[in-house]
N, C-alpha and C. Protein backbone atom coordinates (compact mmCIF):
# COMPACT_ATOMS: atom_id res chain seq x y z
N MET A 1 19.00 -39.57 32.43
CA MET A 1 17.58 -39.84 32.45
C MET A 1 17.13 -40.48 31.13
N ASN A 2 17.61 -39.90 30.03
CA ASN A 2 17.22 -40.42 28.72
C ASN A 2 17.61 -41.88 28.59
N GLU A 3 18.80 -42.22 29.05
CA GLU A 3 19.24 -43.61 28.95
C GLU A 3 18.36 -44.54 29.77
N GLN A 4 17.96 -44.09 30.95
CA GLN A 4 17.12 -44.91 31.80
C GLN A 4 15.74 -45.14 31.18
N VAL A 5 15.17 -44.09 30.61
CA VAL A 5 13.89 -44.20 29.95
C VAL A 5 14.01 -45.10 28.70
N ALA A 6 15.11 -44.95 27.99
CA ALA A 6 15.34 -45.79 26.80
C ALA A 6 15.43 -47.27 27.16
N ARG A 7 16.08 -47.57 28.29
CA ARG A 7 16.16 -48.96 28.75
C ARG A 7 14.80 -49.49 29.12
N LEU A 8 13.98 -48.68 29.69
CA LEU A 8 12.63 -49.11 30.06
C LEU A 8 11.74 -49.36 28.86
N SER A 9 12.00 -48.68 27.78
CA SER A 9 11.06 -48.71 26.63
C SER A 9 10.85 -50.09 26.06
N ASP A 10 11.84 -50.99 26.15
CA ASP A 10 11.65 -52.35 25.65
C ASP A 10 10.87 -53.22 26.61
N GLY A 11 11.29 -53.24 27.86
CA GLY A 11 10.70 -54.17 28.83
C GLY A 11 9.49 -53.63 29.57
N GLU A 12 9.46 -52.32 29.79
CA GLU A 12 8.38 -51.68 30.53
C GLU A 12 7.90 -50.43 29.77
N PRO A 13 7.29 -50.62 28.60
CA PRO A 13 6.96 -49.46 27.78
C PRO A 13 5.98 -48.48 28.44
N LEU A 14 5.03 -48.95 29.23
CA LEU A 14 4.09 -48.04 29.89
C LEU A 14 4.81 -47.19 30.93
N LEU A 15 5.74 -47.82 31.65
CA LEU A 15 6.53 -47.07 32.62
C LEU A 15 7.41 -46.05 31.93
N ALA A 16 7.97 -46.44 30.78
CA ALA A 16 8.80 -45.52 30.01
C ALA A 16 7.97 -44.34 29.53
N LEU A 17 6.75 -44.57 29.08
CA LEU A 17 5.86 -43.49 28.64
C LEU A 17 5.54 -42.55 29.79
N ARG A 18 5.26 -43.13 30.95
CA ARG A 18 4.95 -42.30 32.13
C ARG A 18 6.16 -41.45 32.52
N ALA A 19 7.32 -42.07 32.59
CA ALA A 19 8.53 -41.34 32.97
C ALA A 19 8.83 -40.26 31.94
N GLY A 20 8.72 -40.59 30.66
CA GLY A 20 8.98 -39.60 29.62
C GLY A 20 8.01 -38.43 29.69
N ASN A 21 6.74 -38.73 29.98
CA ASN A 21 5.74 -37.67 30.07
C ASN A 21 6.05 -36.75 31.25
N ILE A 22 6.43 -37.30 32.37
CA ILE A 22 6.81 -36.50 33.54
C ILE A 22 8.00 -35.60 33.19
N LEU A 23 9.00 -36.16 32.56
CA LEU A 23 10.16 -35.37 32.16
C LEU A 23 9.79 -34.28 31.16
N LEU A 24 8.98 -34.62 30.20
CA LEU A 24 8.56 -33.65 29.18
C LEU A 24 7.80 -32.48 29.82
N ASN A 25 6.86 -32.77 30.69
CA ASN A 25 6.08 -31.70 31.33
C ASN A 25 6.99 -30.80 32.14
N GLY A 26 7.90 -31.38 32.90
CA GLY A 26 8.82 -30.57 33.71
C GLY A 26 9.73 -29.74 32.84
N THR A 27 10.22 -30.33 31.75
CA THR A 27 11.09 -29.63 30.85
C THR A 27 10.37 -28.46 30.20
N GLN A 28 9.13 -28.67 29.77
CA GLN A 28 8.37 -27.61 29.13
C GLN A 28 8.18 -26.42 30.08
N LEU A 29 7.88 -26.70 31.35
CA LEU A 29 7.70 -25.61 32.30
C LEU A 29 9.00 -24.86 32.52
N SER A 30 10.12 -25.59 32.58
CA SER A 30 11.41 -24.97 32.77
C SER A 30 11.79 -24.12 31.56
N LEU A 31 11.53 -24.61 30.37
CA LEU A 31 11.83 -23.85 29.15
C LEU A 31 10.98 -22.59 29.06
N GLN A 32 9.71 -22.68 29.44
CA GLN A 32 8.84 -21.50 29.42
C GLN A 32 9.39 -20.44 30.37
N ASN A 33 9.77 -20.86 31.57
CA ASN A 33 10.30 -19.91 32.54
C ASN A 33 11.60 -19.31 32.07
N ALA A 34 12.49 -20.13 31.52
CA ALA A 34 13.78 -19.63 31.04
C ALA A 34 13.57 -18.64 29.89
N ALA A 35 12.65 -18.95 28.99
CA ALA A 35 12.38 -18.05 27.85
C ALA A 35 11.84 -16.72 28.34
N TRP A 36 10.94 -16.77 29.31
CA TRP A 36 10.38 -15.56 29.88
C TRP A 36 11.47 -14.71 30.53
N THR A 37 12.34 -15.36 31.29
CA THR A 37 13.42 -14.66 31.99
C THR A 37 14.39 -14.03 31.01
N VAL A 38 14.77 -14.77 29.95
CA VAL A 38 15.68 -14.23 28.95
C VAL A 38 15.06 -13.01 28.27
N GLU A 39 13.79 -13.09 27.94
CA GLU A 39 13.13 -11.96 27.31
C GLU A 39 13.01 -10.78 28.26
N ARG A 40 12.64 -11.05 29.51
CA ARG A 40 12.50 -9.99 30.51
C ARG A 40 13.83 -9.28 30.71
N ASP A 41 14.92 -10.04 30.74
CA ASP A 41 16.25 -9.47 30.98
C ASP A 41 16.83 -8.79 29.74
N GLY A 42 16.19 -8.96 28.59
CA GLY A 42 16.65 -8.33 27.36
C GLY A 42 17.92 -8.98 26.79
N THR A 43 18.11 -10.25 27.05
CA THR A 43 19.26 -10.99 26.53
C THR A 43 19.19 -11.02 25.01
N SER A 44 20.29 -10.74 24.35
CA SER A 44 20.31 -10.71 22.88
C SER A 44 20.08 -12.12 22.31
N MET A 45 19.50 -12.15 21.16
CA MET A 45 19.31 -13.43 20.47
C MET A 45 20.66 -14.03 20.04
N SER A 46 21.65 -13.19 19.85
CA SER A 46 22.98 -13.71 19.57
C SER A 46 23.51 -14.51 20.76
N ALA A 47 23.30 -13.97 21.96
CA ALA A 47 23.75 -14.68 23.17
C ALA A 47 22.94 -15.97 23.38
N VAL A 48 21.65 -15.88 23.13
CA VAL A 48 20.81 -17.07 23.28
C VAL A 48 21.24 -18.13 22.28
N GLY A 49 21.43 -17.70 21.02
CA GLY A 49 21.85 -18.64 19.99
C GLY A 49 23.17 -19.31 20.32
N ALA A 50 24.12 -18.51 20.82
CA ALA A 50 25.43 -19.08 21.19
C ALA A 50 25.26 -20.08 22.33
N ALA A 51 24.39 -19.78 23.26
CA ALA A 51 24.19 -20.66 24.42
C ALA A 51 23.56 -22.00 24.03
N ILE A 52 22.67 -21.97 23.05
CA ILE A 52 21.97 -23.22 22.69
C ILE A 52 22.43 -23.83 21.36
N GLY A 53 23.44 -23.18 20.76
CA GLY A 53 24.04 -23.76 19.58
C GLY A 53 23.29 -23.58 18.27
N CYS A 54 22.78 -22.37 18.07
CA CYS A 54 22.06 -22.08 16.82
C CYS A 54 22.20 -20.62 16.46
N THR A 55 21.63 -20.23 15.35
CA THR A 55 21.69 -18.84 14.92
C THR A 55 20.73 -17.98 15.77
N PRO A 56 20.92 -16.67 15.75
CA PRO A 56 19.98 -15.80 16.47
C PRO A 56 18.54 -15.93 16.00
N ASP A 57 18.34 -16.10 14.70
CA ASP A 57 16.97 -16.29 14.18
C ASP A 57 16.35 -17.59 14.70
N GLN A 58 17.14 -18.63 14.69
CA GLN A 58 16.64 -19.92 15.22
C GLN A 58 16.36 -19.82 16.70
N ALA A 59 17.19 -19.09 17.41
CA ALA A 59 16.99 -18.90 18.85
C ALA A 59 15.68 -18.18 19.13
N ALA A 60 15.40 -17.15 18.35
CA ALA A 60 14.14 -16.41 18.52
C ALA A 60 12.94 -17.33 18.26
N ARG A 61 13.03 -18.16 17.23
CA ARG A 61 11.92 -19.10 16.94
C ARG A 61 11.74 -20.09 18.10
N ARG A 62 12.87 -20.58 18.61
CA ARG A 62 12.78 -21.54 19.70
C ARG A 62 12.14 -20.91 20.93
N LEU A 63 12.56 -19.69 21.26
CA LEU A 63 11.98 -19.03 22.43
C LEU A 63 10.46 -18.86 22.25
N ARG A 64 10.03 -18.49 21.04
CA ARG A 64 8.61 -18.37 20.78
C ARG A 64 7.91 -19.71 20.96
N SER A 65 8.55 -20.77 20.56
CA SER A 65 7.91 -22.10 20.65
C SER A 65 7.81 -22.57 22.11
N TYR A 66 8.67 -22.03 23.00
CA TYR A 66 8.64 -22.42 24.42
C TYR A 66 7.48 -21.76 25.16
N ARG A 67 6.94 -20.68 24.62
CA ARG A 67 5.85 -19.97 25.31
C ARG A 67 4.57 -20.67 25.21
């Protein structure tokens, strides 16, 4: 998807902005839901950090930013 939007950005910038905005909104909703589920399930920040490639502290900050 990113490559397709990047290709559009030169020739069809408005279409690229629209597509990017649609992707961003969908991604934000998915991240909010995933963060809520991880917190509800009591998943450790060590496991979250390992899954997303960062430290447990960074993972906790990211989860807070998704809310």
